Amino acid sequence: MELKLEDAWRKMIERLESWVDNLVVNLPNLFIAIVVFIIVLFLSKYVSRLVLKLLGKSSLQNSMKNIIAKLVSVLVICGGLFLILGILDLSKTLNTVLAGAGVAGLAVGLALQGALSNTYSGIVLSYIKQIQFGDWIESNDYEGEVVDLDLRAVTIKQPDNNLVYIPNKLVLENPIKNYSTTAQSRVILDCGVAYDSDLTFVKDLVRKTIVSSFDAVKKKDEVIFLYTAFADSSINFETRFWIESTSALEVAKAKTEAMIAIKKAFDQQGVNIPFPIRTLDIPKSISITNQ
């Protein structure tokens, strides 16, 4: 038994010594591999910036340029890893890894279906021109300015300055409303006047007020005025006009300015904006006495 233990101990010592010898022999290669890895990291960043600079003169969207630069950077790093494996004389290990890559790739693909779908959708969204940085869009019940588009999500900034990250797959598969496809936005304002109002006078007054309040509206014919309903306590109308902006925030500000201007004009001209009231019709046979 003692002989067996001594033999096992001797073999372990020999194996450790062989490992140490191999480590000492391969120290130069290990040092060179570390240096090459650091150089590859810096080179990938430089190549990414160079690609962005070269693509700056092209007609591609900024999002597509960023994605191409990232892909080129990843390819440079992968090439560097293959070079490092060669320096460390791990080519056989590389062959083993590549042999198992097919099975591993299938398993990873099934596990990362959602992530891969978002990646593919991000590439498609970066290529089409319907979404660009700075556009004001509405998608999946969220509205705001597009501030980023990567391989995972579309980032929009809402009017309250909050950031919303929408997965690329949802943006690609659902309708998108882009307010920035035109140079103007329409402002729609609803209001109502009393039944005893002069409707023609109210119409002219509102259109004149809008023209005098907004530089983008040059004449009264550009203001659409429509009476919409005989409501319970008012005759309702709708006013539509255009402003020189594609931002939903600017539309909200224009609507506020229009409400202030119309209310001021109505007050000056004695036009009443009624509110719901209830009138009690008491029969004459009922007497009311104060107690």
C-alpha atoms as a PDB file:
ATOM      1  CA  MET A   1       0.000   0.000   0.000  1.00  0.00           C
ATOM      2  CA  GLU A   2       2.835   2.343   0.913  1.00  0.00           C
ATOM      3  CA  LEU A   3       4.554   1.599  -2.398  1.00  0.00           C
ATOM      4  CA  LYS A   4       1.399   2.502  -4.301  1.00  0.00           C
ATOM      5  CA  LEU A   5       1.097   5.837  -2.480  1.00  0.00           C
ATOM      6  CA  GLU A   6       4.732   6.665  -3.181  1.00  0.00           C
ATOM      7  CA  ASP A   7       4.257   5.786  -6.856  1.00  0.00           C
ATOM      8  CA  ALA A   8       1.131   7.953  -7.118  1.00  0.00           C
ATOM      9  CA  TRP A   9       2.894  10.853  -5.404  1.00  0.00           C
ATOM     10  CA  ARG A  10       5.873  10.521  -7.753  1.00  0.00           C
ATOM     11  CA  LYS A  11       3.632  10.532 -10.844  1.00  0.00           C
ATOM     12  CA  MET A  12       1.772  13.607  -9.597  1.00  0.00           C
ATOM     13  CA  ILE A  13       5.050  15.435  -8.997  1.00  0.00           C
ATOM     14  CA  GLU A  14       6.239  14.489 -12.480  1.00  0.00           C
ATOM     15  CA  ARG A  15       3.002  15.740 -14.017  1.00  0.00           C
ATOM     16  CA  LEU A  16       3.245  19.057 -12.132  1.00  0.00           C
ATOM     17  CA  GLU A  17       6.847  19.458 -13.203  1.00  0.00           C
ATOM     18  CA  SER A  18       5.889  18.851 -16.827  1.00  0.00           C
ATOM     19  CA  TRP A  19       3.144  21.481 -16.544  1.00  0.00           C
ATOM     20  CA  VAL A  20       5.582  23.974 -15.050  1.00  0.00           C
ATOM     21  CA  ASP A  21       8.088  23.216 -17.790  1.00  0.00           C
ATOM     22  CA  ASN A  22       5.423  23.747 -20.457  1.00  0.00           C
ATOM     23  CA  LEU A  23       4.373  26.998 -18.811  1.00  0.00           C
ATOM     24  CA  VAL A  24       7.961  28.254 -18.739  1.00  0.00           C
ATOM     25  CA  VAL A  25       8.499  27.248 -22.354  1.00  0.00           C
ATOM     26  CA  ASN A  26       5.245  28.935 -23.451  1.00  0.00           C
ATOM     27  CA  LEU A  27       5.713  32.110 -21.396  1.00  0.00           C
ATOM     28  CA  PRO A  28       6.969  34.082 -24.432  1.00  0.00           C
ATOM     29  CA  ASN A  29       3.974  32.925 -26.458  1.00  0.00           C
ATOM     30  CA  LEU A  30       1.618  33.791 -23.589  1.00  0.00           C
ATOM     31  CA  PHE A  31       3.147  37.255 -23.306  1.00  0.00           C
ATOM     32  CA  ILE A  32       2.864  37.770 -27.062  1.00  0.00           C
ATOM     33  CA  ALA A  33      -0.787  36.587 -26.958  1.00  0.00           C
ATOM     34  CA  ILE A  34      -1.624  39.135 -24.237  1.00  0.00           C
ATOM     35  CA  VAL A  35       0.054  41.914 -26.205  1.00  0.00           C
ATOM     36  CA  VAL A  36      -1.789  40.874 -29.388  1.00  0.00           C
ATOM     37  CA  PHE A  37      -5.122  40.834 -27.516  1.00  0.00           C
ATOM     38  CA  ILE A  38      -4.571  44.379 -26.215  1.00  0.00           C
ATOM     39  CA  ILE A  39      -3.569  45.559 -29.693  1.00  0.00           C
ATOM     40  CA  VAL A  40      -6.687  43.918 -31.186  1.00  0.00           C
ATOM     41  CA  LEU A  41      -8.925  45.727 -28.695  1.00  0.00           C
ATOM     42  CA  PHE A  42      -7.440  49.114 -29.600  1.00  0.00           C
ATOM     43  CA  LEU A  43      -7.492  48.214 -33.288  1.00  0.00           C
ATOM     44  CA  SER A  44     -11.179  47.278 -33.162  1.00  0.00           C
ATOM     45  CA  LYS A  45     -12.045  50.699 -31.715  1.00  0.00           C
ATOM     46  CA  TYR A  46      -9.916  52.476 -34.307  1.00  0.00           C
ATOM     47  CA  VAL A  47     -11.419  50.464 -37.171  1.00  0.00           C
ATOM     48  CA  SER A  48     -14.934  51.181 -35.847  1.00  0.00           C
ATOM     49  CA  ARG A  49     -14.247  54.914 -35.852  1.00  0.00           C
ATOM     50  CA  LEU A  50     -12.658  54.690 -39.304  1.00  0.00           C
ATOM     51  CA  VAL A  51     -15.706  52.866 -40.697  1.00  0.00           C
ATOM     52  CA  LEU A  52     -18.014  55.496 -39.192  1.00  0.00           C
ATOM     53  CA  LYS A  53     -15.914  58.224 -40.804  1.00  0.00           C
ATOM     54  CA  LEU A  54     -15.982  56.499 -44.197  1.00  0.00           C
ATOM     55  CA  LEU A  55     -19.720  55.877 -43.996  1.00  0.00           C
ATOM     56  CA  GLY A  56     -20.329  59.493 -42.996  1.00  0.00           C
ATOM     57  CA  LYS A  57     -20.300  60.476 -46.668  1.00  0.00           C
ATOM     58  CA  SER A  58     -22.829  57.788 -47.629  1.00  0.00           C
ATOM     59  CA  SER A  59     -26.631  58.126 -47.692  1.00  0.00           C
ATOM     60  CA  LEU A  60     -27.159  55.431 -45.055  1.00  0.00           C
ATOM     61  CA  GLN A  61     -28.991  56.291 -41.855  1.00  0.00           C
ATOM     62  CA  ASN A  62     -26.943  56.965 -38.735  1.00  0.00           C
ATOM     63  CA  SER A  63     -28.388  53.859 -37.059  1.00  0.00           C
ATOM     64  CA  MET A  64     -27.230  51.651 -39.949  1.00  0.00           C
ATOM     65  CA  LYS A  65     -23.776  53.253 -39.870  1.00  0.00           C
ATOM     66  CA  ASN A  66     -23.458  52.482 -36.151  1.00  0.00           C
ATOM     67  CA  ILE A  67     -24.517  48.862 -36.654  1.00  0.00           C
ATOM     68  CA  ILE A  68     -22.056  48.330 -39.530  1.00  0.00           C
ATOM     69  CA  ALA A  69     -19.248  49.840 -37.447  1.00  0.00           C
ATOM     70  CA  LYS A  70     -20.076  47.521 -34.526  1.00  0.00           C
ATOM     71  CA  LEU A  71     -20.156  44.452 -36.781  1.00  0.00           C
ATOM     72  CA  VAL A  72     -16.760  45.341 -38.270  1.00  0.00           C
ATOM     73  CA  SER A  73     -15.376  45.818 -34.754  1.00  0.00           C
ATOM     74  CA  VAL A  74     -16.664  42.359 -33.751  1.00  0.00           C
ATOM     75  CA  LEU A  75     -15.067  40.796 -36.848  1.00  0.00           C
ATOM     76  CA  VAL A  76     -11.716  42.379 -35.972  1.00  0.00           C
ATOM     77  CA  ILE A  77     -11.911  40.955 -32.443  1.00  0.00           C
ATOM     78  CA  CYS A  78     -12.837  37.490 -33.768  1.00  0.00           C
ATOM     79  CA  GLY A  79      -9.873  37.599 -36.153  1.00  0.00           C
ATOM     80  CA  GLY A  80      -7.629  38.549 -33.252  1.00  0.00           C
ATOM     81  CA  LEU A  81      -8.893  35.612 -31.168  1.00  0.00           C
ATOM     82  CA  PHE A  82      -8.094  33.178 -33.994  1.00  0.00           C
ATOM     83  CA  LEU A  83      -4.583  34.675 -34.195  1.00  0.00           C
ATOM     84  CA  ILE A  84      -4.106  34.305 -30.435  1.00  0.00           C
ATOM     85  CA  LEU A  85      -5.154  30.646 -30.559  1.00  0.00           C
ATOM     86  CA  GLY A  86      -2.544  30.097 -33.253  1.00  0.00           C
ATOM     87  CA  ILE A  87       0.157  31.806 -31.177  1.00  0.00           C
ATOM     88  CA  LEU A  88      -0.677  29.591 -28.190  1.00  0.00           C
ATOM     89  CA  ASP A  89      -0.579  26.511 -30.457  1.00  0.00           C
ATOM     90  CA  LEU A  90      -4.225  25.693 -29.689  1.00  0.00           C
ATOM     91  CA  SER A  91      -5.220  24.929 -33.269  1.00  0.00           C
ATOM     92  CA  LYS A  92      -6.431  21.463 -32.263  1.00  0.00           C
ATOM     93  CA  THR A  93      -8.587  23.035 -29.587  1.00  0.00           C
ATOM     94  CA  LEU A  94      -9.934  25.413 -32.218  1.00  0.00           C
ATOM     95  CA  ASN A  95     -10.905  22.498 -34.452  1.00  0.00           C
ATOM     96  CA  THR A  96     -12.737  20.885 -31.542  1.00  0.00           C
ATOM     97  CA  VAL A  97     -14.577  24.111 -30.774  1.00  0.00           C
ATOM     98  CA  LEU A  98     -15.612  24.546 -34.411  1.00  0.00           C
ATOM     99  CA  ALA A  99     -16.789  20.931 -34.565  1.00  0.00           C
ATOM    100  CA  GLY A 100     -19.117  21.500 -31.632  1.00  0.00           C
ATOM    101  CA  ALA A 101     -20.217  24.931 -32.812  1.00  0.00           C
ATOM    102  CA  GLY A 102     -23.016  23.467 -34.946  1.00  0.00           C
ATOM    103  CA  VAL A 103     -24.776  21.752 -32.070  1.00  0.00           C
ATOM    104  CA  ALA A 104     -24.088  24.620 -29.685  1.00  0.00           C
ATOM    105  CA  GLY A 105     -25.310  27.118 -32.287  1.00  0.00           C
ATOM    106  CA  LEU A 106     -28.611  25.245 -32.649  1.00  0.00           C
ATOM    107  CA  ALA A 107     -29.125  25.190 -28.879  1.00  0.00           C
ATOM    108  CA  VAL A 108     -28.217  28.872 -28.518  1.00  0.00           C
ATOM    109  CA  GLY A 109     -30.455  29.787 -31.449  1.00  0.00           C
ATOM    110  CA  LEU A 110     -33.459  28.101 -29.824  1.00  0.00           C
ATOM    111  CA  ALA A 111     -32.717  29.721 -26.472  1.00  0.00           C
ATOM    112  CA  LEU A 112     -32.210  33.202 -27.926  1.00  0.00           C
ATOM    113  CA  GLN A 113     -35.067  33.362 -30.412  1.00  0.00           C
ATOM    114  CA  GLY A 114     -36.332  36.650 -28.966  1.00  0.00           C
ATOM    115  CA  ALA A 115     -32.900  38.277 -28.894  1.00  0.00           C
ATOM    116  CA  LEU A 116     -32.075  37.146 -32.440  1.00  0.00           C
ATOM    117  CA  SER A 117     -35.456  38.392 -33.643  1.00  0.00           C
ATOM    118  CA  ASN A 118     -34.772  41.809 -32.111  1.00  0.00           C
ATOM    119  CA  THR A 119     -31.318  41.829 -33.715  1.00  0.00           C
ATOM    120  CA  TYR A 120     -32.703  41.074 -37.174  1.00  0.00           C
ATOM    121  CA  SER A 121     -35.494  43.636 -36.688  1.00  0.00           C
ATOM    122  CA  GLY A 122     -32.914  46.224 -35.617  1.00  0.00           C
ATOM    123  CA  ILE A 123     -30.947  45.692 -38.830  1.00  0.00           C
ATOM    124  CA  VAL A 124     -34.130  46.071 -40.905  1.00  0.00           C
ATOM    125  CA  LEU A 125     -35.210  49.229 -39.031  1.00  0.00           C
ATOM    126  CA  SER A 126     -31.751  50.711 -39.524  1.00  0.00           C
ATOM    127  CA  TYR A 127     -31.962  50.167 -43.262  1.00  0.00           C
ATOM    128  CA  ILE A 128     -35.437  51.591 -43.943  1.00  0.00           C
ATOM    129  CA  LYS A 129     -35.990  55.352 -44.058  1.00  0.00           C
ATOM    130  CA  GLN A 130     -39.280  55.453 -42.149  1.00  0.00           C
ATOM    131  CA  ILE A 131     -37.444  55.847 -38.822  1.00  0.00           C
ATOM    132  CA  GLN A 132     -34.458  58.126 -38.366  1.00  0.00           C
ATOM    133  CA  PHE A 133     -32.760  59.797 -35.426  1.00  0.00           C
ATOM    134  CA  GLY A 134     -34.696  62.893 -34.379  1.00  0.00           C
ATOM    135  CA  ASP A 135     -38.040  61.722 -35.827  1.00  0.00           C
ATOM    136  CA  TRP A 136     -41.140  62.082 -33.687  1.00  0.00           C
ATOM    137  CA  ILE A 137     -42.994  58.758 -33.826  1.00  0.00           C
ATOM    138  CA  GLU A 138     -45.831  56.867 -32.176  1.00  0.00           C
ATOM    139  CA  SER A 139     -45.530  53.101 -31.785  1.00  0.00           C
ATOM    140  CA  ASN A 140     -46.990  50.528 -29.392  1.00  0.00           C
ATOM    141  CA  ASP A 141     -48.960  53.284 -27.577  1.00  0.00           C
ATOM    142  CA  TYR A 142     -45.773  55.285 -26.896  1.00  0.00           C
ATOM    143  CA  GLU A 143     -44.935  58.630 -28.466  1.00  0.00           C
ATOM    144  CA  GLY A 144     -41.687  60.561 -28.545  1.00  0.00           C
ATOM    145  CA  GLU A 145     -38.460  61.459 -30.339  1.00  0.00           C
ATOM    146  CA  VAL A 146     -36.171  58.697 -31.631  1.00  0.00           C
ATOM    147  CA  VAL A 147     -32.847  59.158 -29.817  1.00  0.00           C
ATOM    148  CA  ASP A 148     -31.240  55.741 -30.380  1.00  0.00           C
ATOM    149  CA  LEU A 149     -31.662  52.575 -32.441  1.00  0.00           C
ATOM    150  CA  ASP A 150     -29.460  49.569 -31.740  1.00  0.00           C
ATOM    151  CA  LEU A 151     -29.664  45.796 -32.180  1.00  0.00           C
ATOM    152  CA  ARG A 152     -31.979  45.413 -29.192  1.00  0.00           C
ATOM    153  CA  ALA A 153     -34.454  48.277 -28.984  1.00  0.00           C
ATOM    154  CA  VAL A 154     -35.634  51.609 -30.305  1.00  0.00           C
ATOM    155  CA  THR A 155     -35.198  54.338 -27.684  1.00  0.00           C
ATOM    156  CA  ILE A 156     -37.637  57.255 -27.751  1.00  0.00           C
ATOM    157  CA  LYS A 157     -37.749  60.319 -25.517  1.00  0.00           C
ATOM    158  CA  GLN A 158     -41.264  61.287 -24.450  1.00  0.00           C
ATOM    159  CA  PRO A 159     -42.458  64.907 -23.983  1.00  0.00           C
ATOM    160  CA  ASP A 160     -41.932  64.540 -20.203  1.00  0.00           C
ATOM    161  CA  ASN A 161     -38.247  63.649 -20.914  1.00  0.00           C
ATOM    162  CA  ASN A 162     -38.666  59.977 -19.953  1.00  0.00           C
ATOM    163  CA  LEU A 163     -36.924  57.355 -22.086  1.00  0.00           C
ATOM    164  CA  VAL A 164     -38.881  54.377 -23.429  1.00  0.00           C
ATOM    165  CA  TYR A 165     -37.088  51.309 -24.808  1.00  0.00           C
ATOM    166  CA  ILE A 166     -39.290  49.434 -27.302  1.00  0.00           C
ATOM    167  CA  PRO A 167     -37.994  46.050 -28.571  1.00  0.00           C
ATOM    168  CA  ASN A 168     -37.191  46.189 -32.270  1.00  0.00           C
ATOM    169  CA  LYS A 169     -39.490  43.259 -33.024  1.00  0.00           C
ATOM    170  CA  LEU A 170     -42.547  45.094 -31.663  1.00  0.00           C
ATOM    171  CA  VAL A 171     -41.723  48.247 -33.633  1.00  0.00           C
ATOM    172  CA  LEU A 172     -41.278  46.316 -36.876  1.00  0.00           C
ATOM    173  CA  GLU A 173     -44.436  44.211 -36.482  1.00  0.00           C
ATOM    174  CA  ASN A 174     -46.793  47.010 -35.377  1.00  0.00           C
ATOM    175  CA  PRO A 175     -47.983  50.216 -37.086  1.00  0.00           C
ATOM    176  CA  ILE A 176     -45.720  53.251 -36.798  1.00  0.00           C
ATOM    177  CA  LYS A 177     -46.980  56.826 -36.992  1.00  0.00           C
ATOM    178  CA  ASN A 178     -44.172  59.184 -37.995  1.00  0.00           C
ATOM    179  CA  TYR A 179     -45.017  62.835 -37.400  1.00  0.00           C
ATOM    180  CA  SER A 180     -41.750  63.968 -38.976  1.00  0.00           C
ATOM    181  CA  THR A 181     -42.478  62.832 -42.527  1.00  0.00           C
ATOM    182  CA  THR A 182     -43.879  66.291 -43.291  1.00  0.00           C
ATOM    183  CA  ALA A 183     -42.693  69.754 -42.335  1.00  0.00           C
ATOM    184  CA  GLN A 184     -45.978  70.676 -40.615  1.00  0.00           C
ATOM    185  CA  SER A 185     -48.355  69.350 -37.978  1.00  0.00           C
ATOM    186  CA  ARG A 186     -52.073  69.909 -37.615  1.00  0.00           C
ATOM    187  CA  VAL A 187     -53.568  71.346 -34.437  1.00  0.00           C
ATOM    188  CA  ILE A 188     -57.154  70.325 -33.626  1.00  0.00           C
ATOM    189  CA  LEU A 189     -59.105  72.279 -30.998  1.00  0.00           C
ATOM    190  CA  ASP A 190     -62.644  71.515 -29.745  1.00  0.00           C
ATOM    191  CA  CYS A 191     -64.872  74.062 -28.022  1.00  0.00           C
ATOM    192  CA  GLY A 192     -68.499  75.128 -27.669  1.00  0.00           C
ATOM    193  CA  VAL A 193     -70.633  78.309 -27.527  1.00  0.00           C
ATOM    194  CA  ALA A 194     -74.025  79.129 -26.079  1.00  0.00           C
ATOM    195  CA  TYR A 195     -77.197  78.525 -28.081  1.00  0.00           C
ATOM    196  CA  ASP A 196     -77.976  82.237 -28.254  1.00  0.00           C
ATOM    197  CA  SER A 197     -74.623  83.007 -29.961  1.00  0.00           C
ATOM    198  CA  ASP A 198     -74.336  84.369 -33.496  1.00  0.00           C
ATOM    199  CA  LEU A 199     -72.752  81.329 -35.154  1.00  0.00           C
ATOM    200  CA  THR A 200     -71.475  83.207 -38.197  1.00  0.00           C
ATOM    201  CA  PHE A 201     -69.835  85.828 -35.982  1.00  0.00           C
ATOM    202  CA  VAL A 202     -68.237  83.116 -33.807  1.00  0.00           C
ATOM    203  CA  LYS A 203     -66.848  81.373 -36.888  1.00  0.00           C
ATOM    204  CA  ASP A 204     -65.281  84.570 -38.265  1.00  0.00           C
ATOM    205  CA  LEU A 205     -63.937  85.554 -34.836  1.00  0.00           C
ATOM    206  CA  VAL A 206     -62.212  82.217 -34.237  1.00  0.00           C
ATOM    207  CA  ARG A 207     -60.602  82.137 -37.694  1.00  0.00           C
ATOM    208  CA  LYS A 208     -59.432  85.750 -37.342  1.00  0.00           C
ATOM    209  CA  THR A 209     -57.972  84.995 -33.894  1.00  0.00           C
ATOM    210  CA  ILE A 210     -56.011  81.986 -35.177  1.00  0.00           C
ATOM    211  CA  VAL A 211     -54.583  83.977 -38.110  1.00  0.00           C
ATOM    212  CA  SER A 212     -53.409  86.779 -35.814  1.00  0.00           C
ATOM    213  CA  SER A 213     -51.877  84.350 -33.272  1.00  0.00           C
ATOM    214  CA  PHE A 214     -49.786  82.052 -35.524  1.00  0.00           C
ATOM    215  CA  ASP A 215     -47.271  83.104 -38.186  1.00  0.00           C
ATOM    216  CA  ALA A 216     -47.684  79.836 -40.112  1.00  0.00           C
ATOM    217  CA  VAL A 217     -51.370  80.642 -40.781  1.00  0.00           C
ATOM    218  CA  LYS A 218     -51.392  83.379 -43.435  1.00  0.00           C
ATOM    219  CA  LYS A 219     -55.129  83.766 -44.150  1.00  0.00           C
ATOM    220  CA  LYS A 220     -58.513  82.765 -42.759  1.00  0.00           C
ATOM    221  CA  ASP A 221     -59.098  80.190 -45.483  1.00  0.00           C
ATOM    222  CA  GLU A 222     -56.269  78.104 -44.013  1.00  0.00           C
ATOM    223  CA  VAL A 223     -58.238  77.694 -40.773  1.00  0.00           C
ATOM    224  CA  ILE A 224     -60.852  74.943 -40.944  1.00  0.00           C
ATOM    225  CA  PHE A 225     -63.873  75.713 -38.754  1.00  0.00           C
ATOM    226  CA  LEU A 226     -66.636  73.111 -38.394  1.00  0.00           C
ATOM    227  CA  TYR A 227     -69.706  73.045 -36.163  1.00  0.00           C
ATOM    228  CA  THR A 228     -69.947  69.448 -34.971  1.00  0.00           C
ATOM    229  CA  ALA A 229     -72.946  68.953 -32.673  1.00  0.00           C
ATOM    230  CA  PHE A 230     -75.926  70.394 -30.813  1.00  0.00           C
ATOM    231  CA  ALA A 231     -74.812  69.313 -27.362  1.00  0.00           C
ATOM    232  CA  ASP A 232     -76.773  69.426 -24.095  1.00  0.00           C
ATOM    233  CA  SER A 233     -75.663  72.919 -23.122  1.00  0.00           C
ATOM    234  CA  SER A 234     -73.694  74.227 -26.117  1.00  0.00           C
ATOM    235  CA  ILE A 235     -73.205  74.165 -29.859  1.00  0.00           C
ATOM    236  CA  ASN A 236     -69.840  72.483 -30.299  1.00  0.00           C
ATOM    237  CA  PHE A 237     -67.289  73.317 -32.975  1.00  0.00           C
ATOM    238  CA  GLU A 238     -63.886  72.096 -34.126  1.00  0.00           C
ATOM    239  CA  THR A 239     -61.006  74.242 -35.370  1.00  0.00           C
ATOM    240  CA  ARG A 240     -58.065  72.890 -37.386  1.00  0.00           C
ATOM    241  CA  PHE A 241     -54.904  74.675 -38.508  1.00  0.00           C
ATOM    242  CA  TRP A 242     -51.267  73.882 -39.359  1.00  0.00           C
ATOM    243  CA  ILE A 243     -48.053  74.899 -37.593  1.00  0.00           C
ATOM    244  CA  GLU A 244     -44.436  74.759 -38.791  1.00  0.00           C
ATOM    245  CA  SER A 245     -43.322  71.905 -36.536  1.00  0.00           C
ATOM    246  CA  THR A 246     -43.413  68.113 -36.371  1.00  0.00           C
ATOM    247  CA  SER A 247     -43.001  67.856 -32.610  1.00  0.00           C
ATOM    248  CA  ALA A 248     -45.981  66.678 -30.573  1.00  0.00           C
ATOM    249  CA  LEU A 249     -44.807  68.959 -27.774  1.00  0.00           C
ATOM    250  CA  GLU A 250     -44.992  71.982 -30.096  1.00  0.00           C
ATOM    251  CA  VAL A 251     -48.480  70.891 -31.158  1.00  0.00           C
ATOM    252  CA  ALA A 252     -49.561  70.834 -27.504  1.00  0.00           C
ATOM    253  CA  LYS A 253     -48.043  74.288 -26.953  1.00  0.00           C
ATOM    254  CA  ALA A 254     -49.837  75.658 -30.044  1.00  0.00           C
ATOM    255  CA  LYS A 255     -53.122  74.221 -28.803  1.00  0.00           C
ATOM    256  CA  THR A 256     -52.606  75.948 -25.452  1.00  0.00           C
ATOM    257  CA  GLU A 257     -51.844  79.284 -27.140  1.00  0.00           C
ATOM    258  CA  ALA A 258     -54.946  78.918 -29.313  1.00  0.00           C
ATOM    259  CA  MET A 259     -57.162  78.232 -26.298  1.00  0.00           C
ATOM    260  CA  ILE A 260     -55.833  81.323 -24.503  1.00  0.00           C
ATOM    261  CA  ALA A 261     -56.294  83.525 -27.584  1.00  0.00           C
ATOM    262  CA  ILE A 262     -59.841  82.264 -28.315  1.00  0.00           C
ATOM    263  CA  LYS A 263     -60.940  82.628 -24.677  1.00  0.00           C
ATOM    264  CA  LYS A 264     -59.580  86.185 -24.617  1.00  0.00           C
ATOM    265  CA  ALA A 265     -61.369  87.040 -27.887  1.00  0.00           C
ATOM    266  CA  PHE A 266     -64.646  85.543 -26.619  1.00  0.00           C
ATOM    267  CA  ASP A 267     -64.421  87.541 -23.384  1.00  0.00           C
ATOM    268  CA  GLN A 268     -63.845  90.788 -25.295  1.00  0.00           C
ATOM    269  CA  GLN A 269     -66.793  90.143 -27.638  1.00  0.00           C
ATOM    270  CA  GLY A 270     -69.156  88.774 -24.989  1.00  0.00           C
ATOM    271  CA  VAL A 271     -69.312  85.249 -26.437  1.00  0.00           C
ATOM    272  CA  ASN A 272     -70.244  82.731 -23.776  1.00  0.00           C
ATOM    273  CA  ILE A 273     -68.610  79.297 -23.416  1.00  0.00           C
ATOM    274  CA  PRO A 274     -71.298  77.464 -21.401  1.00  0.00           C
ATOM    275  CA  PHE A 275     -70.805  74.728 -18.898  1.00  0.00           C
ATOM    276  CA  PRO A 276     -73.344  71.990 -18.093  1.00  0.00           C
ATOM    277  CA  ILE A 277     -76.192  73.273 -15.922  1.00  0.00           C
ATOM    278  CA  ARG A 278     -79.488  71.846 -14.699  1.00  0.00           C
ATOM    279  CA  THR A 279     -82.663  73.904 -14.673  1.00  0.00           C
ATOM    280  CA  LEU A 280     -85.472  72.985 -12.264  1.00  0.00           C
ATOM    281  CA  ASP A 281     -88.998  73.638 -13.551  1.00  0.00           C
ATOM    282  CA  ILE A 282     -91.182  73.949 -10.435  1.00  0.00           C
ATOM    283  CA  PRO A 283     -94.996  73.883 -11.008  1.00  0.00           C
ATOM    284  CA  LYS A 284     -96.879  76.984  -9.882  1.00  0.00           C
ATOM    285  CA  SER A 285     -99.080  74.843  -7.636  1.00  0.00           C
ATOM    286  CA  ILE A 286     -96.092  74.236  -5.378  1.00  0.00           C
ATOM    287  CA  SER A 287     -95.269  77.109  -3.099  1.00  0.00           C
ATOM    288  CA  ILE A 288     -91.885  77.560  -1.523  1.00  0.00           C
ATOM    289  CA  THR A 289     -91.726  79.418   1.757  1.00  0.00           C
ATOM    290  CA  ASN A 290     -88.726  80.486   3.741  1.00  0.00           C
ATOM    291  CA  GLN A 291     -88.607  79.199   7.292  1.00  0.00           C
END
